[in-house]
Amino acid sequence: MNEGQNQTNASLRKLVDDFKVVYQDAEALARVTAGDVGEKVREARARLATSLESARHSFDHLQQQAAEKAKQADQVIRAHPYESVGAAFGVGVLLGVLLGRR
């Protein structure tokens, strides 16, 4: 694995960890307000539960897609290492030229 992949993996792990914390905090909030019998609180809890379930489903789907895309990219790079290095070099030069104009 190269340094760019390590940084991407670290960023993805941080995103996953951050999402888990937010999800756990939202679940804790829902539990804490469980005893409140106000109509607005019940409605808010129901919306929160629906949103959490939807977010969890979307997150799981995105995580699965990211893993599949990473495997595909790895396979392409392994199948065509010289072309991959050349393309990365070309993109680097292009970015250098574009950023150097500022």
PDB file of N, CA and C in Angstrom:
ATOM      1  N   MET A   1       0.831  -1.179   0.000  1.00  0.00           N
ATOM      2  CA  MET A   1       0.000   0.000   0.000  1.00  0.00           C
ATOM      3  C   MET A   1       0.876   1.244   0.000  1.00  0.00           C
ATOM      4  N   ASN A   2       0.465   2.240  -0.742  1.00  0.00           N
ATOM      5  CA  ASN A   2       1.259   3.455  -0.767  1.00  0.00           C
ATOM      6  C   ASN A   2       0.728   4.449   0.264  1.00  0.00           C
ATOM      7  N   GLU A   3       1.423   5.570   0.356  1.00  0.00           N
ATOM      8  CA  GLU A   3       1.061   6.562   1.371  1.00  0.00           C
ATOM      9  C   GLU A   3      -0.333   7.138   1.141  1.00  0.00           C
ATOM     10  N   GLY A   4      -0.709   7.372  -0.125  1.00  0.00           N
ATOM     11  CA  GLY A   4      -2.033   7.906  -0.440  1.00  0.00           C
ATOM     12  C   GLY A   4      -3.141   6.965  -0.001  1.00  0.00           C
ATOM     13  N   GLN A   5      -2.934   5.663  -0.225  1.00  0.00           N
ATOM     14  CA  GLN A   5      -3.935   4.683   0.202  1.00  0.00           C
ATOM     15  C   GLN A   5      -4.022   4.635   1.716  1.00  0.00           C
ATOM     16  N   ASN A   6      -2.872   4.749   2.392  1.00  0.00           N
ATOM     17  CA  ASN A   6      -2.877   4.742   3.855  1.00  0.00           C
ATOM     18  C   ASN A   6      -3.662   5.933   4.393  1.00  0.00           C
ATOM     19  N   GLN A   7      -3.472   7.113   3.778  1.00  0.00           N
ATOM     20  CA  GLN A   7      -4.198   8.306   4.214  1.00  0.00           C
ATOM     21  C   GLN A   7      -5.686   8.165   3.947  1.00  0.00           C
ATOM     22  N   THR A   8      -6.035   7.599   2.790  1.00  0.00           N
ATOM     23  CA  THR A   8      -7.439   7.389   2.455  1.00  0.00           C
ATOM     24  C   THR A   8      -8.070   6.414   3.431  1.00  0.00           C
ATOM     25  N   ASN A   9      -7.372   5.331   3.722  1.00  0.00           N
ATOM     26  CA  ASN A   9      -7.898   4.350   4.675  1.00  0.00           C
ATOM     27  C   ASN A   9      -8.049   4.957   6.063  1.00  0.00           C
ATOM     28  N   ALA A  10      -7.080   5.772   6.467  1.00  0.00           N
ATOM     29  CA  ALA A  10      -7.162   6.425   7.781  1.00  0.00           C
ATOM     30  C   ALA A  10      -8.337   7.391   7.820  1.00  0.00           C
ATOM     31  N   SER A  11      -8.546   8.133   6.736  1.00  0.00           N
ATOM     32  CA  SER A  11      -9.676   9.064   6.678  1.00  0.00           C
ATOM     33  C   SER A  11     -11.000   8.317   6.727  1.00  0.00           C
ATOM     34  N   LEU A  12     -11.083   7.207   6.001  1.00  0.00           N
ATOM     35  CA  LEU A  12     -12.304   6.403   6.000  1.00  0.00           C
ATOM     36  C   LEU A  12     -12.575   5.829   7.385  1.00  0.00           C
ATOM     37  N   ARG A  13     -11.533   5.342   8.050  1.00  0.00           N
ATOM     38  CA  ARG A  13     -11.707   4.810   9.407  1.00  0.00           C
ATOM     39  C   ARG A  13     -12.174   5.910  10.359  1.00  0.00           C
ATOM     40  N   LYS A  14     -11.607   7.119  10.217  1.00  0.00           N
ATOM     41  CA  LYS A  14     -12.019   8.244  11.078  1.00  0.00           C
ATOM     42  C   LYS A  14     -13.475   8.601  10.815  1.00  0.00           C
ATOM     43  N   LEU A  15     -13.874   8.617   9.542  1.00  0.00           N
ATOM     44  CA  LEU A  15     -15.262   8.907   9.203  1.00  0.00           C
ATOM     45  C   LEU A  15     -16.189   7.861   9.814  1.00  0.00           C
ATOM     46  N   VAL A  16     -15.811   6.604   9.706  1.00  0.00           N
ATOM     47  CA  VAL A  16     -16.613   5.516  10.280  1.00  0.00           C
ATOM     48  C   VAL A  16     -16.726   5.695  11.792  1.00  0.00           C
ATOM     49  N   ASP A  17     -15.595   5.964  12.435  1.00  0.00           N
ATOM     50  CA  ASP A  17     -15.603   6.151  13.892  1.00  0.00           C
ATOM     51  C   ASP A  17     -16.461   7.344  14.301  1.00  0.00           C
ATOM     52  N   ASP A  18     -16.338   8.459  13.564  1.00  0.00           N
ATOM     53  CA  ASP A  18     -17.140   9.646  13.870  1.00  0.00           C
ATOM     54  C   ASP A  18     -18.630   9.360  13.701  1.00  0.00           C
ATOM     55  N   PHE A  19     -18.988   8.646  12.641  1.00  0.00           N
ATOM     56  CA  PHE A  19     -20.390   8.311  12.418  1.00  0.00           C
ATOM     57  C   PHE A  19     -20.915   7.442  13.549  1.00  0.00           C
ATOM     58  N   LYS A  20     -20.111   6.474  13.980  1.00  0.00           N
ATOM     59  CA  LYS A  20     -20.542   5.600  15.074  1.00  0.00           C
ATOM     60  C   LYS A  20     -20.806   6.395  16.344  1.00  0.00           C
ATOM     61  N   VAL A  21     -19.960   7.382  16.631  1.00  0.00           N
ATOM     62  CA  VAL A  21     -20.137   8.211  17.822  1.00  0.00           C
ATOM     63  C   VAL A  21     -21.434   9.014  17.727  1.00  0.00           C
ATOM     64  N   VAL A  22     -21.672   9.640  16.574  1.00  0.00           N
ATOM     65  CA  VAL A  22     -22.900  10.419  16.379  1.00  0.00           C
ATOM     66  C   VAL A  22     -24.119   9.507  16.503  1.00  0.00           C
ATOM     67  N   TYR A  23     -24.053   8.340  15.903  1.00  0.00           N
ATOM     68  CA  TYR A  23     -25.154   7.383  15.952  1.00  0.00           C
ATOM     69  C   TYR A  23     -25.428   6.959  17.399  1.00  0.00           C
ATOM     70  N   GLN A  24     -24.369   6.655  18.144  1.00  0.00           N
ATOM     71  CA  GLN A  24     -24.532   6.238  19.538  1.00  0.00           C
ATOM     72  C   GLN A  24     -25.100   7.376  20.387  1.00  0.00           C
ATOM     73  N   ASP A  25     -24.639   8.603  20.138  1.00  0.00           N
ATOM     74  CA  ASP A  25     -25.163   9.758  20.880  1.00  0.00           C
ATOM     75  C   ASP A  25     -26.654   9.960  20.593  1.00  0.00           C
ATOM     76  N   ALA A  26     -27.042   9.801  19.344  1.00  0.00           N
ATOM     77  CA  ALA A  26     -28.455   9.962  18.988  1.00  0.00           C
ATOM     78  C   ALA A  26     -29.301   8.867  19.637  1.00  0.00           C
ATOM     79  N   GLU A  27     -28.777   7.646  19.647  1.00  0.00           N
ATOM     80  CA  GLU A  27     -29.508   6.564  20.320  1.00  0.00           C
ATOM     81  C   GLU A  27     -29.631   6.847  21.812  1.00  0.00           C
ATOM     82  N   ALA A  28     -28.562   7.344  22.423  1.00  0.00           N
ATOM     83  CA  ALA A  28     -28.595   7.670  23.851  1.00  0.00           C
ATOM     84  C   ALA A  28     -29.618   8.766  24.127  1.00  0.00           C
ATOM     85  N   LEU A  29     -29.674   9.757  23.275  1.00  0.00           N
ATOM     86  CA  LEU A  29     -30.664  10.828  23.424  1.00  0.00           C
ATOM     87  C   LEU A  29     -32.076  10.264  23.343  1.00  0.00           C
ATOM     88  N   ALA A  30     -32.294   9.340  22.425  1.00  0.00           N
ATOM     89  CA  ALA A  30     -33.611   8.727  22.292  1.00  0.00           C
ATOM     90  C   ALA A  30     -33.969   7.944  23.556  1.00  0.00           C
ATOM     91  N   ARG A  31     -32.986   7.246  24.135  1.00  0.00           N
ATOM     92  CA  ARG A  31     -33.244   6.484  25.364  1.00  0.00           C
ATOM     93  C   ARG A  31     -33.546   7.411  26.540  1.00  0.00           C
ATOM     94  N   VAL A  32     -32.798   8.505  26.646  1.00  0.00           N
ATOM     95  CA  VAL A  32     -32.967   9.437  27.762  1.00  0.00           C
ATOM     96  C   VAL A  32     -34.344  10.079  27.733  1.00  0.00           C
ATOM     97  N   THR A  33     -34.851  10.348  26.551  1.00  0.00           N
ATOM     98  CA  THR A  33     -36.152  11.014  26.434  1.00  0.00           C
ATOM     99  C   THR A  33     -37.305  10.015  26.357  1.00  0.00           C
ATOM    100  N   ALA A  34     -37.022   8.736  26.538  1.00  0.00           N
ATOM    101  CA  ALA A  34     -38.058   7.707  26.415  1.00  0.00           C
ATOM    102  C   ALA A  34     -39.175   7.895  27.435  1.00  0.00           C
ATOM    103  N   GLY A  35     -38.857   8.390  28.616  1.00  0.00           N
ATOM    104  CA  GLY A  35     -39.867   8.550  29.653  1.00  0.00           C
ATOM    105  C   GLY A  35     -40.713   9.801  29.492  1.00  0.00           C
ATOM    106  N   ASP A  36     -40.314  10.708  28.640  1.00  0.00           N
ATOM    107  CA  ASP A  36     -41.064  11.945  28.439  1.00  0.00           C
ATOM    108  C   ASP A  36     -42.322  11.628  27.633  1.00  0.00           C
ATOM    109  N   VAL A  37     -43.456  12.033  28.134  1.00  0.00           N
ATOM    110  CA  VAL A  37     -44.724  11.671  27.499  1.00  0.00           C
ATOM    111  C   VAL A  37     -45.304  12.776  26.630  1.00  0.00           C
ATOM    112  N   GLY A  38     -44.578  13.862  26.461  1.00  0.00           N
ATOM    113  CA  GLY A  38     -45.082  14.956  25.638  1.00  0.00           C
ATOM    114  C   GLY A  38     -45.233  14.532  24.185  1.00  0.00           C
ATOM    115  N   GLU A  39     -46.278  15.043  23.550  1.00  0.00           N
ATOM    116  CA  GLU A  39     -46.559  14.682  22.147  1.00  0.00           C
ATOM    117  C   GLU A  39     -45.423  15.102  21.221  1.00  0.00           C
ATOM    118  N   LYS A  40     -44.902  16.315  21.432  1.00  0.00           N
ATOM    119  CA  LYS A  40     -43.815  16.802  20.580  1.00  0.00           C
ATOM    120  C   LYS A  40     -42.559  15.947  20.752  1.00  0.00           C
ATOM    121  N   VAL A  41     -42.289  15.529  21.958  1.00  0.00           N
ATOM    122  CA  VAL A  41     -41.117  14.687  22.213  1.00  0.00           C
ATOM    123  C   VAL A  41     -41.294  13.330  21.537  1.00  0.00           C
ATOM    124  N   ARG A  42     -42.503  12.763  21.624  1.00  0.00           N
ATOM    125  CA  ARG A  42     -42.758  11.467  20.956  1.00  0.00           C
ATOM    126  C   ARG A  42     -42.583  11.597  19.451  1.00  0.00           C
ATOM    127  N   GLU A  43     -43.087  12.691  18.885  1.00  0.00           N
ATOM    128  CA  GLU A  43     -42.939  12.909  17.443  1.00  0.00           C
ATOM    129  C   GLU A  43     -41.470  13.063  17.072  1.00  0.00           C
ATOM    130  N   ALA A  44     -40.736  13.822  17.879  1.00  0.00           N
ATOM    131  CA  ALA A  44     -39.313  14.035  17.610  1.00  0.00           C
ATOM    132  C   ALA A  44     -38.543  12.722  17.706  1.00  0.00           C
ATOM    133  N   ARG A  45     -38.886  11.918  18.725  1.00  0.00           N
ATOM    134  CA  ARG A  45     -38.221  10.613  18.884  1.00  0.00           C
ATOM    135  C   ARG A  45     -38.529   9.701  17.700  1.00  0.00           C
ATOM    136  N   ALA A  46     -39.750   9.724  17.216  1.00  0.00           N
ATOM    137  CA  ALA A  46     -40.118   8.893  16.067  1.00  0.00           C
ATOM    138  C   ALA A  46     -39.349   9.331  14.820  1.00  0.00           C
ATOM    139  N   ARG A  47     -39.268  10.649  14.614  1.00  0.00           N
ATOM    140  CA  ARG A  47     -38.498  11.151  13.469  1.00  0.00           C
ATOM    141  C   ARG A  47     -37.024  10.799  13.609  1.00  0.00           C
ATOM    142  N   LEU A  48     -36.502  10.912  14.828  1.00  0.00           N
ATOM    143  CA  LEU A  48     -35.102  10.574  15.080  1.00  0.00           C
ATOM    144  C   LEU A  48     -34.849   9.099  14.799  1.00  0.00           C
ATOM    145  N   ALA A  49     -35.733   8.242  15.253  1.00  0.00           N
ATOM    146  CA  ALA A  49     -35.578   6.805  15.023  1.00  0.00           C
ATOM    147  C   ALA A  49     -35.592   6.490  13.524  1.00  0.00           C
ATOM    148  N   THR A  50     -36.499   7.127  12.804  1.00  0.00           N
ATOM    149  CA  THR A  50     -36.575   6.919  11.359  1.00  0.00           C
ATOM    150  C   THR A  50     -35.308   7.419  10.678  1.00  0.00           C
ATOM    151  N   SER A  51     -34.862   8.588  11.072  1.00  0.00           N
ATOM    152  CA  SER A  51     -33.651   9.163  10.486  1.00  0.00           C
ATOM    153  C   SER A  51     -32.427   8.315  10.798  1.00  0.00           C
ATOM    154  N   LEU A  52     -32.336   7.833  12.024  1.00  0.00           N
ATOM    155  CA  LEU A  52     -31.204   6.984  12.400  1.00  0.00           C
ATOM    156  C   LEU A  52     -31.177   5.698  11.583  1.00  0.00           C
ATOM    157  N   GLU A  53     -32.322   5.095  11.409  1.00  0.00           N
ATOM    158  CA  GLU A  53     -32.389   3.858  10.638  1.00  0.00           C
ATOM    159  C   GLU A  53     -31.999   4.109   9.182  1.00  0.00           C
ATOM    160  N   SER A  54     -32.497   5.194   8.627  1.00  0.00           N
ATOM    161  CA  SER A  54     -32.167   5.546   7.251  1.00  0.00           C
ATOM    162  C   SER A  54     -30.673   5.848   7.111  1.00  0.00           C
ATOM    163  N   ALA A  55     -30.126   6.602   8.060  1.00  0.00           N
ATOM    164  CA  ALA A  55     -28.702   6.939   8.023  1.00  0.00           C
ATOM    165  C   ALA A  55     -27.848   5.686   8.155  1.00  0.00           C
ATOM    166  N   ARG A  56     -28.254   4.790   9.025  1.00  0.00           N
ATOM    167  CA  ARG A  56     -27.500   3.543   9.232  1.00  0.00           C
ATOM    168  C   ARG A  56     -27.504   2.715   7.951  1.00  0.00           C
ATOM    169  N   HIS A  57     -28.649   2.617   7.307  1.00  0.00           N
ATOM    170  CA  HIS A  57     -28.757   1.855   6.062  1.00  0.00           C
ATOM    171  C   HIS A  57     -27.891   2.495   4.973  1.00  0.00           C
ATOM    172  N   SER A  58     -27.986   3.811   4.820  1.00  0.00           N
ATOM    173  CA  SER A  58     -27.194   4.522   3.810  1.00  0.00           C
ATOM    174  C   SER A  58     -25.705   4.379   4.089  1.00  0.00           C
ATOM    175  N   PHE A  59     -25.327   4.517   5.343  1.00  0.00           N
ATOM    176  CA  PHE A  59     -23.920   4.407   5.710  1.00  0.00           C
ATOM    177  C   PHE A  59     -23.386   3.010   5.412  1.00  0.00           C
ATOM    178  N   ASP A  60     -24.133   1.986   5.777  1.00  0.00           N
ATOM    179  CA  ASP A  60     -23.703   0.612   5.502  1.00  0.00           C
ATOM    180  C   ASP A  60     -23.542   0.385   4.003  1.00  0.00           C
ATOM    181  N   HIS A  61     -24.481   0.920   3.223  1.00  0.00           N
ATOM    182  CA  HIS A  61     -24.415   0.783   1.767  1.00  0.00           C
ATOM    183  C   HIS A  61     -23.180   1.495   1.207  1.00  0.00           C
ATOM    184  N   LEU A  62     -22.932   2.718   1.660  1.00  0.00           N
ATOM    185  CA  LEU A  62     -21.769   3.467   1.195  1.00  0.00           C
ATOM    186  C   LEU A  62     -20.460   2.801   1.606  1.00  0.00           C
ATOM    187  N   GLN A  63     -20.434   2.258   2.789  1.00  0.00           N
ATOM    188  CA  GLN A  63     -19.238   1.574   3.268  1.00  0.00           C
ATOM    189  C   GLN A  63     -18.958   0.338   2.407  1.00  0.00           C
ATOM    190  N   GLN A  64     -19.991  -0.389   2.068  1.00  0.00           N
ATOM    191  CA  GLN A  64     -19.840  -1.572   1.213  1.00  0.00           C
ATOM    192  C   GLN A  64     -19.361  -1.155  -0.185  1.00  0.00           C
ATOM    193  N   GLN A  65     -19.943  -0.098  -0.736  1.00  0.00           N
ATOM    194  CA  GLN A  65     -19.524   0.386  -2.051  1.00  0.00           C
ATOM    195  C   GLN A  65     -18.073   0.851  -2.039  1.00  0.00           C
ATOM    196  N   ALA A  66     -17.674   1.553  -0.992  1.00  0.00           N
ATOM    197  CA  ALA A  66     -16.297   2.039  -0.895  1.00  0.00           C
ATOM    198  C   ALA A  66     -15.316   0.877  -0.854  1.00  0.00           C
ATOM    199  N   ALA A  67     -15.651  -0.160  -0.114  1.00  0.00           N
ATOM    200  CA  ALA A  67     -14.776  -1.332  -0.044  1.00  0.00           C
ATOM    201  C   ALA A  67     -14.662  -2.008  -1.403  1.00  0.00           C
ATOM    202  N   GLU A  68     -15.788  -2.121  -2.115  1.00  0.00           N
ATOM    203  CA  GLU A  68     -15.763  -2.737  -3.438  1.00  0.00           C
ATOM    204  C   GLU A  68     -14.939  -1.912  -4.417  1.00  0.00           C
ATOM    205  N   LYS A  69     -15.109  -0.587  -4.388  1.00  0.00           N
ATOM    206  CA  LYS A  69     -14.357   0.295  -5.286  1.00  0.00           C
ATOM    207  C   LYS A  69     -12.866   0.250  -4.968  1.00  0.00           C
ATOM    208  N   ALA A  70     -12.520   0.174  -3.689  1.00  0.00           N
ATOM    209  CA  ALA A  70     -11.112   0.088  -3.312  1.00  0.00           C
ATOM    210  C   ALA A  70     -10.494  -1.206  -3.836  1.00  0.00           C
ATOM    211  N   LYS A  71     -11.233  -2.297  -3.751  1.00  0.00           N
ATOM    212  CA  LYS A  71     -10.736  -3.576  -4.277  1.00  0.00           C
ATOM    213  C   LYS A  71     -10.562  -3.506  -5.788  1.00  0.00           C
ATOM    214  N   GLN A  72     -11.528  -2.890  -6.465  1.00  0.00           N
ATOM    215  CA  GLN A  72     -11.431  -2.748  -7.917  1.00  0.00           C
ATOM    216  C   GLN A  72     -10.225  -1.895  -8.302  1.00  0.00           C
ATOM    217  N   ALA A  73     -10.025  -0.794  -7.607  1.00  0.00           N
ATOM    218  CA  ALA A  73      -8.890   0.082  -7.898  1.00  0.00           C
ATOM    219  C   ALA A  73      -7.580  -0.658  -7.664  1.00  0.00           C
ATOM    220  N   ASP A  74      -7.508  -1.418  -6.586  1.00  0.00           N
ATOM    221  CA  ASP A  74      -6.312  -2.193  -6.286  1.00  0.00           C
ATOM    222  C   ASP A  74      -6.026  -3.206  -7.391  1.00  0.00           C
ATOM    223  N   GLN A  75      -7.065  -3.857  -7.883  1.00  0.00           N
ATOM    224  CA  GLN A  75      -6.887  -4.834  -8.954  1.00  0.00           C
ATOM    225  C   GLN A  75      -6.380  -4.171 -10.232  1.00  0.00           C
ATOM    226  N   VAL A  76      -6.933  -3.007 -10.565  1.00  0.00           N
ATOM    227  CA  VAL A  76      -6.494  -2.287 -11.768  1.00  0.00           C
ATOM    228  C   VAL A  76      -5.040  -1.855 -11.623  1.00  0.00           C
ATOM    229  N   ILE A  77      -4.691  -1.319 -10.468  1.00  0.00           N
ATOM    230  CA  ILE A  77      -3.320  -0.865 -10.242  1.00  0.00           C
ATOM    231  C   ILE A  77      -2.350  -2.034 -10.306  1.00  0.00           C
ATOM    232  N   ARG A  78      -2.728  -3.160  -9.729  1.00  0.00           N
ATOM    233  CA  ARG A  78      -1.850  -4.340  -9.769  1.00  0.00           C
ATOM    234  C   ARG A  78      -1.735  -4.904 -11.186  1.00  0.00           C
ATOM    235  N   ALA A  79      -2.799  -4.809 -11.966  1.00  0.00           N
ATOM    236  CA  ALA A  79      -2.775  -5.316 -13.338  1.00  0.00           C
ATOM    237  C   ALA A  79      -1.987  -4.390 -14.268  1.00  0.00           C
ATOM    238  N   HIS A  80      -1.968  -3.100 -13.954  1.00  0.00           N
ATOM    239  CA  HIS A  80      -1.312  -2.110 -14.818  1.00  0.00           C
ATOM    240  C   HIS A  80      -0.467  -1.152 -13.976  1.00  0.00           C
ATOM    241  N   PRO A  81       0.609  -1.645 -13.357  1.00  0.00           N
ATOM    242  CA  PRO A  81       1.360  -0.784 -12.438  1.00  0.00           C
ATOM    243  C   PRO A  81       2.043   0.402 -13.124  1.00  0.00           C
ATOM    244  N   TYR A  82       2.634   0.182 -14.281  1.00  0.00           N
ATOM    245  CA  TYR A  82       3.359   1.272 -14.941  1.00  0.00           C
ATOM    246  C   TYR A  82       2.404   2.343 -15.463  1.00  0.00           C
ATOM    247  N   GLU A  83       1.287   1.910 -16.008  1.00  0.00           N
ATOM    248  CA  GLU A  83       0.291   2.869 -16.482  1.00  0.00           C
ATOM    249  C   GLU A  83      -0.260   3.688 -15.321  1.00  0.00           C
ATOM    250  N   SER A  84      -0.461   3.031 -14.175  1.00  0.00           N
ATOM    251  CA  SER A  84      -0.982   3.717 -12.993  1.00  0.00           C
ATOM    252  C   SER A  84      -0.005   4.772 -12.490  1.00  0.00           C
ATOM    253  N   VAL A  85       1.266   4.422 -12.472  1.00  0.00           N
ATOM    254  CA  VAL A  85       2.282   5.383 -12.029  1.00  0.00           C
ATOM    255  C   VAL A  85       2.344   6.551 -13.012  1.00  0.00           C
ATOM    256  N   GLY A  86       2.273   6.246 -14.299  1.00  0.00           N
ATOM    257  CA  GLY A  86       2.294   7.300 -15.320  1.00  0.00           C
ATOM    258  C   GLY A  86       1.100   8.231 -15.198  1.00  0.00           C
ATOM    259  N   ALA A  87      -0.062   7.669 -14.984  1.00  0.00           N
ATOM    260  CA  ALA A  87      -1.266   8.493 -14.835  1.00  0.00           C
ATOM    261  C   ALA A  87      -1.171   9.354 -13.583  1.00  0.00           C
ATOM    262  N   ALA A  88      -0.714   8.792 -12.492  1.00  0.00           N
ATOM    263  CA  ALA A  88      -0.569   9.553 -11.248  1.00  0.00           C
ATOM    264  C   ALA A  88       0.443  10.682 -11.438  1.00  0.00           C
ATOM    265  N   PHE A  89       1.533  10.400 -12.147  1.00  0.00           N
ATOM    266  CA  PHE A  89       2.536  11.419 -12.419  1.00  0.00           C
ATOM    267  C   PHE A  89       1.928  12.545 -13.244  1.00  0.00           C
ATOM    268  N   GLY A  90       1.180  12.176 -14.280  1.00  0.00           N
ATOM    269  CA  GLY A  90       0.551  13.173 -15.143  1.00  0.00           C
ATOM    270  C   GLY A  90      -0.421  14.061 -14.387  1.00  0.00           C
ATOM    271  N   VAL A  91      -1.226  13.472 -13.537  1.00  0.00           N
ATOM    272  CA  VAL A  91      -2.170  14.243 -12.729  1.00  0.00           C
ATOM    273  C   VAL A  91      -1.409  15.167 -11.783  1.00  0.00           C
ATOM    274  N   GLY A  92      -0.319  14.676 -11.213  1.00  0.00           N
ATOM    275  CA  GLY A  92       0.498  15.493 -10.321  1.00  0.00           C
ATOM    276  C   GLY A  92       1.094  16.697 -11.034  1.00  0.00           C
ATOM    277  N   VAL A  93       1.601  16.465 -12.230  1.00  0.00           N
ATOM    278  CA  VAL A  93       2.168  17.569 -13.013  1.00  0.00           C
ATOM    279  C   VAL A  93       1.068  18.572 -13.361  1.00  0.00           C
ATOM    280  N   LEU A  94      -0.076  18.081 -13.806  1.00  0.00           N
ATOM    281  CA  LEU A  94      -1.178  18.978 -14.140  1.00  0.00           C
ATOM    282  C   LEU A  94      -1.609  19.819 -12.939  1.00  0.00           C
ATOM    283  N   LEU A  95      -1.757  19.190 -11.786  1.00  0.00           N
ATOM    284  CA  LEU A  95      -2.118  19.929 -10.568  1.00  0.00           C
ATOM    285  C   LEU A  95      -1.045  20.939 -10.189  1.00  0.00           C
ATOM    286  N   GLY A  96       0.214  20.549 -10.354  1.00  0.00           N
ATOM    287  CA  GLY A  96       1.316  21.460 -10.053  1.00  0.00           C
ATOM    288  C   GLY A  96       1.290  22.692 -10.932  1.00  0.00           C
ATOM    289  N   VAL A  97       1.014  22.486 -12.213  1.00  0.00           N
ATOM    290  CA  VAL A  97       0.938  23.608 -13.143  1.00  0.00           C
ATOM    291  C   VAL A  97      -0.253  24.507 -12.790  1.00  0.00           C
ATOM    292  N   LEU A  98      -1.407  23.895 -12.544  1.00  0.00           N
ATOM    293  CA  LEU A  98      -2.602  24.678 -12.233  1.00  0.00           C
ATOM    294  C   LEU A  98      -2.454  25.452 -10.919  1.00  0.00           C
ATOM    295  N   LEU A  99      -1.917  24.816  -9.920  1.00  0.00           N
ATOM    296  CA  LEU A  99      -1.749  25.495  -8.630  1.00  0.00           C
ATOM    297  C   LEU A  99      -0.616  26.502  -8.660  1.00  0.00           C
ATOM    298  N   GLY A 100       0.369  26.277  -9.528  1.00  0.00           N
ATOM    299  CA  GLY A 100       1.490  27.199  -9.636  1.00  0.00           C
ATOM    300  C   GLY A 100       1.103  28.517 -10.278  1.00  0.00           C
ATOM    301  N   ARG A 101      -0.002  28.544 -10.996  1.00  0.00           N
ATOM    302  CA  ARG A 101      -0.449  29.767 -11.660  1.00  0.00           C
ATOM    303  C   ARG A 101      -1.053  30.775 -10.687  1.00  0.00           C
ATOM    304  N   ARG A 102      -1.405  30.352  -9.527  1.00  0.00           N
ATOM    305  CA  ARG A 102      -2.063  31.250  -8.561  1.00  0.00           C
ATOM    306  C   ARG A 102      -1.078  32.169  -7.999  1.00  0.00           C
TER     307      ARG A 102
END
